[in-house]
Amino acid sequence: MTLTVSQLSCTHLSAGYPGQAVLEDLTLNIPAGQITALIGANGSGKSTLLKTLAALQPTQGGSIYLNGRDISRLAPRALARQLALLPQDSNNPEGLSVRELVSLGRFPYRRHFSGLSADDQSVITLSLQQTGLLDLAQTDLGRLSGGQRQRAWIAMALAQQTGLLFLDEPTTYLDIAHQLEVLQLLRQINRDSRVTIVMVLHDLNQAVQFSDQLIALKSGHVYDSGPSYKLLTPELVRAVFGIKAVVLPHPVTGVPVCLPYAPQETVQT
């Protein structure tokens, strides 16, 4: 399934909460058809930026453009056909099977009170196949492992057939094996379908390994952005996270690996 490659950008974007500005005057482009990881310290604005770009958080200034159109002018159903977002904490509805959860992704395409069409069923089956869940389609969500549940939510997002997918910390609460499983799945989806993916990640090494581009945020501003393998440097880690680190090539993959070893400033006691 190849989708139209989505182009997302924002100009002079500001966002936050009543009485609290989180993002101020951001202008950036999300590379179409690539995976972009948002990195930064806690409170730097990563999740706020993700939610604002997905139109779930109101802007306080500036504009967001999806394929050349201001998203504020798009109806919610039309927008849901172009982008999907998986939040950090996805509550698992009780009593739903995997297939029933994935079918919720077809909501933007259904007419009021209409059932699932043959095309809907075909898309659902394809989404289950892409995420390796076809054999678990009738299984209750509560019986799945953490990694399987995350794949089920990703399958639901795929069923929306959007060209743009946002994920807020998709590896949260997963062990290292399931983290790699989910990130490898996202990489495969990106390569097979050219879905533009934007995700928040805390693990810098995973961010570099599984993304094409990094956007480093600091105090609500873009500190730097660019190709992942070039952007991760000791200088960036020191400036954005306030720690010292060595960055070395991985002995197997050659991808830069960050090895932190001390705070930037040692407190004397």
C-alpha atoms as a PDB file:
ATOM      1  CA  MET A   1       0.000   0.000   0.000  1.00  0.00           C
ATOM      2  CA  THR A   2       1.707   3.182  -1.192  1.00  0.00           C
ATOM      3  CA  LEU A   3       0.170   6.452  -0.030  1.00  0.00           C
ATOM      4  CA  THR A   4       0.567  10.012  -1.202  1.00  0.00           C
ATOM      5  CA  VAL A   5       3.733  11.321   0.445  1.00  0.00           C
ATOM      6  CA  SER A   6       2.740  13.984   2.975  1.00  0.00           C
ATOM      7  CA  GLN A   7       4.545  17.295   3.358  1.00  0.00           C
ATOM      8  CA  LEU A   8       4.170  19.071   6.717  1.00  0.00           C
ATOM      9  CA  SER A   9       5.570  22.438   7.761  1.00  0.00           C
ATOM     10  CA  CYS A  10       4.925  25.237  10.216  1.00  0.00           C
ATOM     11  CA  THR A  11       5.818  28.919  10.287  1.00  0.00           C
ATOM     12  CA  HIS A  12       6.250  31.082  13.401  1.00  0.00           C
ATOM     13  CA  LEU A  13       4.372  28.478  15.441  1.00  0.00           C
ATOM     14  CA  SER A  14       3.623  29.204  19.096  1.00  0.00           C
ATOM     15  CA  ALA A  15       1.650  26.907  21.385  1.00  0.00           C
ATOM     16  CA  GLY A  16       1.157  25.987  25.004  1.00  0.00           C
ATOM     17  CA  TYR A  17      -1.432  26.174  27.743  1.00  0.00           C
ATOM     18  CA  PRO A  18      -3.361  29.019  29.357  1.00  0.00           C
ATOM     19  CA  GLY A  19      -0.798  31.226  31.014  1.00  0.00           C
ATOM     20  CA  GLN A  20       2.089  29.023  29.881  1.00  0.00           C
ATOM     21  CA  ALA A  21       3.899  29.315  26.550  1.00  0.00           C
ATOM     22  CA  VAL A  22       5.687  26.083  25.614  1.00  0.00           C
ATOM     23  CA  LEU A  23       6.647  26.626  21.974  1.00  0.00           C
ATOM     24  CA  GLU A  24       7.638  30.025  20.637  1.00  0.00           C
ATOM     25  CA  ASP A  25       8.094  31.126  17.037  1.00  0.00           C
ATOM     26  CA  LEU A  26       8.994  27.743  15.519  1.00  0.00           C
ATOM     27  CA  THR A  27       9.503  27.455  11.780  1.00  0.00           C
ATOM     28  CA  LEU A  28      10.377  24.023  10.438  1.00  0.00           C
ATOM     29  CA  ASN A  29       9.763  21.484   7.685  1.00  0.00           C
ATOM     30  CA  ILE A  30       9.122  17.799   8.252  1.00  0.00           C
ATOM     31  CA  PRO A  31      10.867  15.850   5.452  1.00  0.00           C
ATOM     32  CA  ALA A  32       8.272  14.044   3.335  1.00  0.00           C
ATOM     33  CA  GLY A  33       8.437  10.268   3.202  1.00  0.00           C
ATOM     34  CA  GLN A  34      11.036  10.057   5.987  1.00  0.00           C
ATOM     35  CA  ILE A  35      11.132   9.291   9.706  1.00  0.00           C
ATOM     36  CA  THR A  36      11.781  12.289  11.945  1.00  0.00           C
ATOM     37  CA  ALA A  37      12.506  11.892  15.662  1.00  0.00           C
ATOM     38  CA  LEU A  38      11.906  14.705  18.142  1.00  0.00           C
ATOM     39  CA  ILE A  39      14.489  14.713  20.932  1.00  0.00           C
ATOM     40  CA  GLY A  40      15.109  16.957  23.912  1.00  0.00           C
ATOM     41  CA  ALA A  41      15.039  17.125  27.686  1.00  0.00           C
ATOM     42  CA  ASN A  42      11.836  16.763  29.669  1.00  0.00           C
ATOM     43  CA  GLY A  43       9.769  19.906  29.323  1.00  0.00           C
ATOM     44  CA  SER A  44      11.449  21.011  26.107  1.00  0.00           C
ATOM     45  CA  GLY A  45       8.159  20.889  24.184  1.00  0.00           C
ATOM     46  CA  LYS A  46       8.391  17.604  22.265  1.00  0.00           C
ATOM     47  CA  SER A  47       4.911  16.267  23.052  1.00  0.00           C
ATOM     48  CA  THR A  48       3.372  19.724  22.756  1.00  0.00           C
ATOM     49  CA  LEU A  49       4.886  20.124  19.297  1.00  0.00           C
ATOM     50  CA  LEU A  50       3.631  16.705  18.227  1.00  0.00           C
ATOM     51  CA  LYS A  51       0.086  17.374  19.440  1.00  0.00           C
ATOM     52  CA  THR A  52       0.058  20.850  17.924  1.00  0.00           C
ATOM     53  CA  LEU A  53       1.232  19.604  14.519  1.00  0.00           C
ATOM     54  CA  ALA A  54      -1.523  16.963  14.699  1.00  0.00           C
ATOM     55  CA  ALA A  55      -4.133  19.660  15.441  1.00  0.00           C
ATOM     56  CA  LEU A  56      -4.909  18.219  18.889  1.00  0.00           C
ATOM     57  CA  GLN A  57      -3.358  21.192  20.667  1.00  0.00           C
ATOM     58  CA  PRO A  58      -4.496  24.722  19.716  1.00  0.00           C
ATOM     59  CA  THR A  59      -1.927  27.123  18.369  1.00  0.00           C
ATOM     60  CA  GLN A  60      -1.222  30.475  19.986  1.00  0.00           C
ATOM     61  CA  GLY A  61       0.265  31.898  16.818  1.00  0.00           C
ATOM     62  CA  GLY A  62       1.632  30.958  13.428  1.00  0.00           C
ATOM     63  CA  SER A  63       0.408  28.418  10.893  1.00  0.00           C
ATOM     64  CA  ILE A  64       0.697  24.700  10.120  1.00  0.00           C
ATOM     65  CA  TYR A  65       0.545  23.471   6.540  1.00  0.00           C
ATOM     66  CA  LEU A  66      -0.188  19.942   5.363  1.00  0.00           C
ATOM     67  CA  ASN A  67       0.422  19.398   1.659  1.00  0.00           C
ATOM     68  CA  GLY A  68       0.250  23.140   1.156  1.00  0.00           C
ATOM     69  CA  ARG A  69      -3.043  23.669   3.013  1.00  0.00           C
ATOM     70  CA  ASP A  70      -3.503  25.354   6.370  1.00  0.00           C
ATOM     71  CA  ILE A  71      -4.743  22.566   8.647  1.00  0.00           C
ATOM     72  CA  SER A  72      -6.982  25.007  10.533  1.00  0.00           C
ATOM     73  CA  ARG A  73      -9.106  25.124   7.381  1.00  0.00           C
ATOM     74  CA  LEU A  74      -9.544  21.342   7.176  1.00  0.00           C
ATOM     75  CA  ALA A  75     -12.626  19.661   8.607  1.00  0.00           C
ATOM     76  CA  PRO A  76     -11.835  17.087  11.337  1.00  0.00           C
ATOM     77  CA  ARG A  77     -12.909  14.132   9.193  1.00  0.00           C
ATOM     78  CA  ALA A  78     -10.838  15.353   6.245  1.00  0.00           C
ATOM     79  CA  LEU A  79      -7.839  15.864   8.515  1.00  0.00           C
ATOM     80  CA  ALA A  80      -8.260  12.355   9.968  1.00  0.00           C
ATOM     81  CA  ARG A  81      -7.893  10.986   6.452  1.00  0.00           C
ATOM     82  CA  GLN A  82      -4.500  12.657   6.152  1.00  0.00           C
ATOM     83  CA  LEU A  83      -2.849  12.180   9.538  1.00  0.00           C
ATOM     84  CA  ALA A  84      -3.016   9.773  12.471  1.00  0.00           C
ATOM     85  CA  LEU A  85      -1.613  10.104  15.981  1.00  0.00           C
ATOM     86  CA  LEU A  86      -0.857   7.529  18.665  1.00  0.00           C
ATOM     87  CA  PRO A  87      -0.583   9.220  22.069  1.00  0.00           C
ATOM     88  CA  GLN A  88       1.866   8.172  24.744  1.00  0.00           C
ATOM     89  CA  ASP A  89      -0.788   6.439  26.838  1.00  0.00           C
ATOM     90  CA  SER A  90      -3.311   4.520  24.736  1.00  0.00           C
ATOM     91  CA  ASN A  91      -6.078   3.132  26.921  1.00  0.00           C
ATOM     92  CA  ASN A  92      -7.052  -0.384  25.913  1.00  0.00           C
ATOM     93  CA  PRO A  93     -10.856  -0.581  25.499  1.00  0.00           C
ATOM     94  CA  GLU A  94     -12.255  -3.506  27.433  1.00  0.00           C
ATOM     95  CA  GLY A  95     -13.809  -6.378  25.541  1.00  0.00           C
ATOM     96  CA  LEU A  96     -12.441  -5.445  22.112  1.00  0.00           C
ATOM     97  CA  SER A  97     -10.645  -7.876  19.868  1.00  0.00           C
ATOM     98  CA  VAL A  98      -7.602  -6.834  17.880  1.00  0.00           C
ATOM     99  CA  ARG A  99      -9.625  -6.679  14.668  1.00  0.00           C
ATOM    100  CA  GLU A 100     -12.328  -4.568  16.329  1.00  0.00           C
ATOM    101  CA  LEU A 101      -9.696  -2.076  17.534  1.00  0.00           C
ATOM    102  CA  VAL A 102      -8.127  -1.863  14.082  1.00  0.00           C
ATOM    103  CA  SER A 103     -11.568  -1.323  12.525  1.00  0.00           C
ATOM    104  CA  LEU A 104     -11.854   1.952  14.469  1.00  0.00           C
ATOM    105  CA  GLY A 105      -9.273   3.348  12.090  1.00  0.00           C
ATOM    106  CA  ARG A 106     -11.856   3.277   9.329  1.00  0.00           C
ATOM    107  CA  PHE A 107     -14.122   5.780  11.112  1.00  0.00           C
ATOM    108  CA  PRO A 108     -13.069   8.801   8.979  1.00  0.00           C
ATOM    109  CA  TYR A 109     -14.261   6.956   5.852  1.00  0.00           C
ATOM    110  CA  ARG A 110     -17.612   5.686   7.116  1.00  0.00           C
ATOM    111  CA  ARG A 111     -20.910   7.401   6.622  1.00  0.00           C
ATOM    112  CA  HIS A 112     -23.082   8.007   9.660  1.00  0.00           C
ATOM    113  CA  PHE A 113     -24.369   4.740  11.160  1.00  0.00           C
ATOM    114  CA  SER A 114     -23.026   2.714   8.222  1.00  0.00           C
ATOM    115  CA  GLY A 115     -21.270  -0.601   8.704  1.00  0.00           C
ATOM    116  CA  LEU A 116     -17.888  -1.630   7.422  1.00  0.00           C
ATOM    117  CA  SER A 117     -17.732  -2.019   3.656  1.00  0.00           C
ATOM    118  CA  ALA A 118     -15.844  -4.680   1.752  1.00  0.00           C
ATOM    119  CA  ASP A 119     -13.119  -2.097   1.092  1.00  0.00           C
ATOM    120  CA  ASP A 120     -12.948  -1.340   4.820  1.00  0.00           C
ATOM    121  CA  GLN A 121     -12.547  -5.029   5.631  1.00  0.00           C
ATOM    122  CA  SER A 122      -9.804  -5.337   3.046  1.00  0.00           C
ATOM    123  CA  VAL A 123      -7.879  -2.401   4.523  1.00  0.00           C
ATOM    124  CA  ILE A 124      -8.264  -3.814   8.042  1.00  0.00           C
ATOM    125  CA  THR A 125      -6.923  -7.193   6.940  1.00  0.00           C
ATOM    126  CA  LEU A 126      -3.986  -5.545   5.177  1.00  0.00           C
ATOM    127  CA  SER A 127      -3.169  -3.499   8.296  1.00  0.00           C
ATOM    128  CA  LEU A 128      -3.193  -6.676  10.388  1.00  0.00           C
ATOM    129  CA  GLN A 129      -0.886  -8.343   7.893  1.00  0.00           C
ATOM    130  CA  GLN A 130       1.532  -5.409   7.881  1.00  0.00           C
ATOM    131  CA  THR A 131       1.837  -5.535  11.667  1.00  0.00           C
ATOM    132  CA  GLY A 132       2.018  -9.332  11.920  1.00  0.00           C
ATOM    133  CA  LEU A 133      -1.260  -9.612  13.818  1.00  0.00           C
ATOM    134  CA  LEU A 134      -3.465 -11.536  11.414  1.00  0.00           C
ATOM    135  CA  ASP A 135      -3.292 -14.702  13.533  1.00  0.00           C
ATOM    136  CA  LEU A 136      -4.290 -12.676  16.616  1.00  0.00           C
ATOM    137  CA  ALA A 137      -7.150 -10.780  14.949  1.00  0.00           C
ATOM    138  CA  GLN A 138      -9.847 -12.319  17.164  1.00  0.00           C
ATOM    139  CA  THR A 139      -7.802 -12.159  20.379  1.00  0.00           C
ATOM    140  CA  ASP A 140      -8.950  -9.880  23.193  1.00  0.00           C
ATOM    141  CA  LEU A 141      -6.618  -6.904  23.628  1.00  0.00           C
ATOM    142  CA  GLY A 142      -6.236  -7.696  27.309  1.00  0.00           C
ATOM    143  CA  ARG A 143      -4.507 -10.965  26.480  1.00  0.00           C
ATOM    144  CA  LEU A 144      -1.759  -9.402  24.376  1.00  0.00           C
ATOM    145  CA  SER A 145       1.778  -8.595  25.427  1.00  0.00           C
ATOM    146  CA  GLY A 146       2.847  -4.954  25.570  1.00  0.00           C
ATOM    147  CA  GLY A 147       4.579  -5.197  22.209  1.00  0.00           C
ATOM    148  CA  GLN A 148       1.578  -6.873  20.598  1.00  0.00           C
ATOM    149  CA  ARG A 149      -0.779  -4.201  21.962  1.00  0.00           C
ATOM    150  CA  GLN A 150       1.426  -1.458  20.571  1.00  0.00           C
ATOM    151  CA  ARG A 151       1.417  -3.173  17.186  1.00  0.00           C
ATOM    152  CA  ALA A 152      -2.401  -3.344  17.375  1.00  0.00           C
ATOM    153  CA  TRP A 153      -2.586   0.417  17.897  1.00  0.00           C
ATOM    154  CA  ILE A 154      -0.184   0.964  15.018  1.00  0.00           C
ATOM    155  CA  ALA A 155      -2.391  -1.281  12.871  1.00  0.00           C
ATOM    156  CA  MET A 156      -5.383   0.900  13.771  1.00  0.00           C
ATOM    157  CA  ALA A 157      -3.439   3.976  12.649  1.00  0.00           C
ATOM    158  CA  LEU A 158      -2.493   2.225   9.407  1.00  0.00           C
ATOM    159  CA  ALA A 159      -6.155   1.461   8.779  1.00  0.00           C
ATOM    160  CA  GLN A 160      -6.733   5.228   8.575  1.00  0.00           C
ATOM    161  CA  GLN A 161      -4.655   5.124   5.375  1.00  0.00           C
ATOM    162  CA  THR A 162      -2.981   8.438   6.093  1.00  0.00           C
ATOM    163  CA  GLY A 163       0.285   9.623   4.632  1.00  0.00           C
ATOM    164  CA  LEU A 164       1.408  11.009   7.989  1.00  0.00           C
ATOM    165  CA  LEU A 165       1.795   9.166  11.289  1.00  0.00           C
ATOM    166  CA  PHE A 166       2.634  10.759  14.665  1.00  0.00           C
ATOM    167  CA  LEU A 167       3.742   8.699  17.664  1.00  0.00           C
ATOM    168  CA  ASP A 168       4.430  10.025  21.153  1.00  0.00           C
ATOM    169  CA  GLU A 169       7.035   7.796  22.827  1.00  0.00           C
ATOM    170  CA  PRO A 170       5.914   4.561  21.119  1.00  0.00           C
ATOM    171  CA  THR A 171       8.356   2.429  23.149  1.00  0.00           C
ATOM    172  CA  THR A 172       7.197   3.544  26.611  1.00  0.00           C
ATOM    173  CA  TYR A 173       6.756   0.656  29.091  1.00  0.00           C
ATOM    174  CA  LEU A 174       8.237  -1.884  26.651  1.00  0.00           C
ATOM    175  CA  ASP A 175      11.304  -4.020  27.286  1.00  0.00           C
ATOM    176  CA  ILE A 176      14.266  -3.673  24.956  1.00  0.00           C
ATOM    177  CA  ALA A 177      13.220  -6.560  22.687  1.00  0.00           C
ATOM    178  CA  HIS A 178       9.721  -5.124  22.172  1.00  0.00           C
ATOM    179  CA  GLN A 179      11.141  -1.626  21.733  1.00  0.00           C
ATOM    180  CA  LEU A 180      13.263  -2.836  18.833  1.00  0.00           C
ATOM    181  CA  GLU A 181      10.330  -4.811  17.438  1.00  0.00           C
ATOM    182  CA  VAL A 182       8.091  -1.725  17.340  1.00  0.00           C
ATOM    183  CA  LEU A 183      10.787   0.558  15.905  1.00  0.00           C
ATOM    184  CA  GLN A 184      11.727  -1.975  13.235  1.00  0.00           C
ATOM    185  CA  LEU A 185       8.048  -2.248  12.318  1.00  0.00           C
ATOM    186  CA  LEU A 186       7.792   1.531  11.919  1.00  0.00           C
ATOM    187  CA  ARG A 187      10.908   1.553   9.774  1.00  0.00           C
ATOM    188  CA  GLN A 188       9.439  -1.184   7.569  1.00  0.00           C
ATOM    189  CA  ILE A 189       6.128   0.669   7.222  1.00  0.00           C
ATOM    190  CA  ASN A 190       8.007   3.800   6.215  1.00  0.00           C
ATOM    191  CA  ARG A 191      10.063   1.939   3.626  1.00  0.00           C
ATOM    192  CA  ASP A 192       7.140  -0.039   2.184  1.00  0.00           C
ATOM    193  CA  SER A 193       4.449   2.652   2.117  1.00  0.00           C
ATOM    194  CA  ARG A 194       6.462   5.903   2.262  1.00  0.00           C
ATOM    195  CA  VAL A 195       4.429   7.056   5.249  1.00  0.00           C
ATOM    196  CA  THR A 196       5.921  10.199   6.777  1.00  0.00           C
ATOM    197  CA  ILE A 197       6.543   9.388  10.447  1.00  0.00           C
ATOM    198  CA  VAL A 198       7.200  11.835  13.276  1.00  0.00           C
ATOM    199  CA  MET A 199       7.869  10.372  16.712  1.00  0.00           C
ATOM    200  CA  VAL A 200       9.039  11.492  20.122  1.00  0.00           C
ATOM    201  CA  LEU A 201      11.860   9.328  21.507  1.00  0.00           C
ATOM    202  CA  HIS A 202      13.876   9.616  24.704  1.00  0.00           C
ATOM    203  CA  ASP A 203      16.533   7.073  23.795  1.00  0.00           C
ATOM    204  CA  LEU A 204      19.052   8.987  21.675  1.00  0.00           C
ATOM    205  CA  ASN A 205      20.629   5.850  20.256  1.00  0.00           C
ATOM    206  CA  GLN A 206      17.279   4.498  19.101  1.00  0.00           C
ATOM    207  CA  ALA A 207      16.396   7.911  17.678  1.00  0.00           C
ATOM    208  CA  VAL A 208      19.521   7.906  15.525  1.00  0.00           C
ATOM    209  CA  GLN A 209      19.220   4.263  14.504  1.00  0.00           C
ATOM    210  CA  PHE A 210      15.572   4.398  13.448  1.00  0.00           C
ATOM    211  CA  SER A 211      15.120   7.882  12.029  1.00  0.00           C
ATOM    212  CA  ASP A 212      16.343   9.782   9.010  1.00  0.00           C
ATOM    213  CA  GLN A 213      16.141  13.218  10.613  1.00  0.00           C
ATOM    214  CA  LEU A 214      16.395  14.607  14.140  1.00  0.00           C
ATOM    215  CA  ILE A 215      14.822  17.757  15.521  1.00  0.00           C
ATOM    216  CA  ALA A 216      16.424  18.729  18.841  1.00  0.00           C
ATOM    217  CA  LEU A 217      14.276  20.955  21.037  1.00  0.00           C
ATOM    218  CA  LYS A 218      15.482  23.108  23.901  1.00  0.00           C
ATOM    219  CA  SER A 219      13.187  25.287  26.017  1.00  0.00           C
ATOM    220  CA  GLY A 220      10.471  25.429  23.369  1.00  0.00           C
ATOM    221  CA  HIS A 221      12.786  26.270  20.477  1.00  0.00           C
ATOM    222  CA  VAL A 222      14.472  24.230  17.771  1.00  0.00           C
ATOM    223  CA  TYR A 223      18.093  24.003  18.867  1.00  0.00           C
ATOM    224  CA  ASP A 224      19.157  22.147  15.718  1.00  0.00           C
ATOM    225  CA  SER A 225      17.833  19.779  13.064  1.00  0.00           C
ATOM    226  CA  GLY A 226      19.269  17.644  10.304  1.00  0.00           C
ATOM    227  CA  PRO A 227      20.267  14.117   9.281  1.00  0.00           C
ATOM    228  CA  SER A 228      20.337  11.834  12.319  1.00  0.00           C
ATOM    229  CA  TYR A 229      23.815  10.429  11.765  1.00  0.00           C
ATOM    230  CA  LYS A 230      25.296  13.946  11.549  1.00  0.00           C
ATOM    231  CA  LEU A 231      23.319  15.712  14.263  1.00  0.00           C
ATOM    232  CA  LEU A 232      24.221  13.528  17.252  1.00  0.00           C
ATOM    233  CA  THR A 233      27.434  15.044  18.607  1.00  0.00           C
ATOM    234  CA  PRO A 234      28.910  15.570  22.095  1.00  0.00           C
ATOM    235  CA  GLU A 235      28.293  19.304  21.640  1.00  0.00           C
ATOM    236  CA  LEU A 236      24.574  18.804  20.964  1.00  0.00           C
ATOM    237  CA  VAL A 237      24.178  16.404  23.900  1.00  0.00           C
ATOM    238  CA  ARG A 238      25.902  18.907  26.201  1.00  0.00           C
ATOM    239  CA  ALA A 239      23.816  21.849  24.990  1.00  0.00           C
ATOM    240  CA  VAL A 240      20.415  20.114  24.935  1.00  0.00           C
ATOM    241  CA  PHE A 241      20.674  17.717  27.883  1.00  0.00           C
ATOM    242  CA  GLY A 242      23.392  19.315  30.024  1.00  0.00           C
ATOM    243  CA  ILE A 243      25.561  16.196  30.189  1.00  0.00           C
ATOM    244  CA  LYS A 244      28.922  15.118  28.870  1.00  0.00           C
ATOM    245  CA  ALA A 245      29.016  12.246  26.400  1.00  0.00           C
ATOM    246  CA  VAL A 246      31.208  10.411  23.964  1.00  0.00           C
ATOM    247  CA  VAL A 247      29.749   9.668  20.524  1.00  0.00           C
ATOM    248  CA  LEU A 248      31.281   6.685  18.764  1.00  0.00           C
ATOM    249  CA  PRO A 249      30.350   4.611  15.708  1.00  0.00           C
ATOM    250  CA  HIS A 250      28.557   1.372  16.563  1.00  0.00           C
ATOM    251  CA  PRO A 251      30.992  -1.527  15.992  1.00  0.00           C
ATOM    252  CA  VAL A 252      28.449  -3.445  13.889  1.00  0.00           C
ATOM    253  CA  THR A 253      26.173  -0.900  12.205  1.00  0.00           C
ATOM    254  CA  GLY A 254      28.443   2.160  12.129  1.00  0.00           C
ATOM    255  CA  VAL A 255      25.560   4.313  13.401  1.00  0.00           C
ATOM    256  CA  PRO A 256      26.629   6.955  15.968  1.00  0.00           C
ATOM    257  CA  VAL A 257      26.149   5.798  19.567  1.00  0.00           C
ATOM    258  CA  CYS A 258      25.926   8.189  22.517  1.00  0.00           C
ATOM    259  CA  LEU A 259      27.707   7.169  25.744  1.00  0.00           C
ATOM    260  CA  PRO A 260      26.938   9.708  28.501  1.00  0.00           C
ATOM    261  CA  TYR A 261      29.306   9.769  31.450  1.00  0.00           C
ATOM    262  CA  ALA A 262      28.825  12.890  33.588  1.00  0.00           C
ATOM    263  CA  PRO A 263      26.751  16.037  34.110  1.00  0.00           C
ATOM    264  CA  GLN A 264      28.081  19.083  32.312  1.00  0.00           C
ATOM    265  CA  GLU A 265      28.978  20.715  35.597  1.00  0.00           C
ATOM    266  CA  THR A 266      30.190  18.715  38.591  1.00  0.00           C
ATOM    267  CA  VAL A 267      28.711  20.038  41.848  1.00  0.00           C
ATOM    268  CA  GLN A 268      31.324  20.407  44.592  1.00  0.00           C
ATOM    269  CA  THR A 269      30.208  19.261  48.061  1.00  0.00           C
END
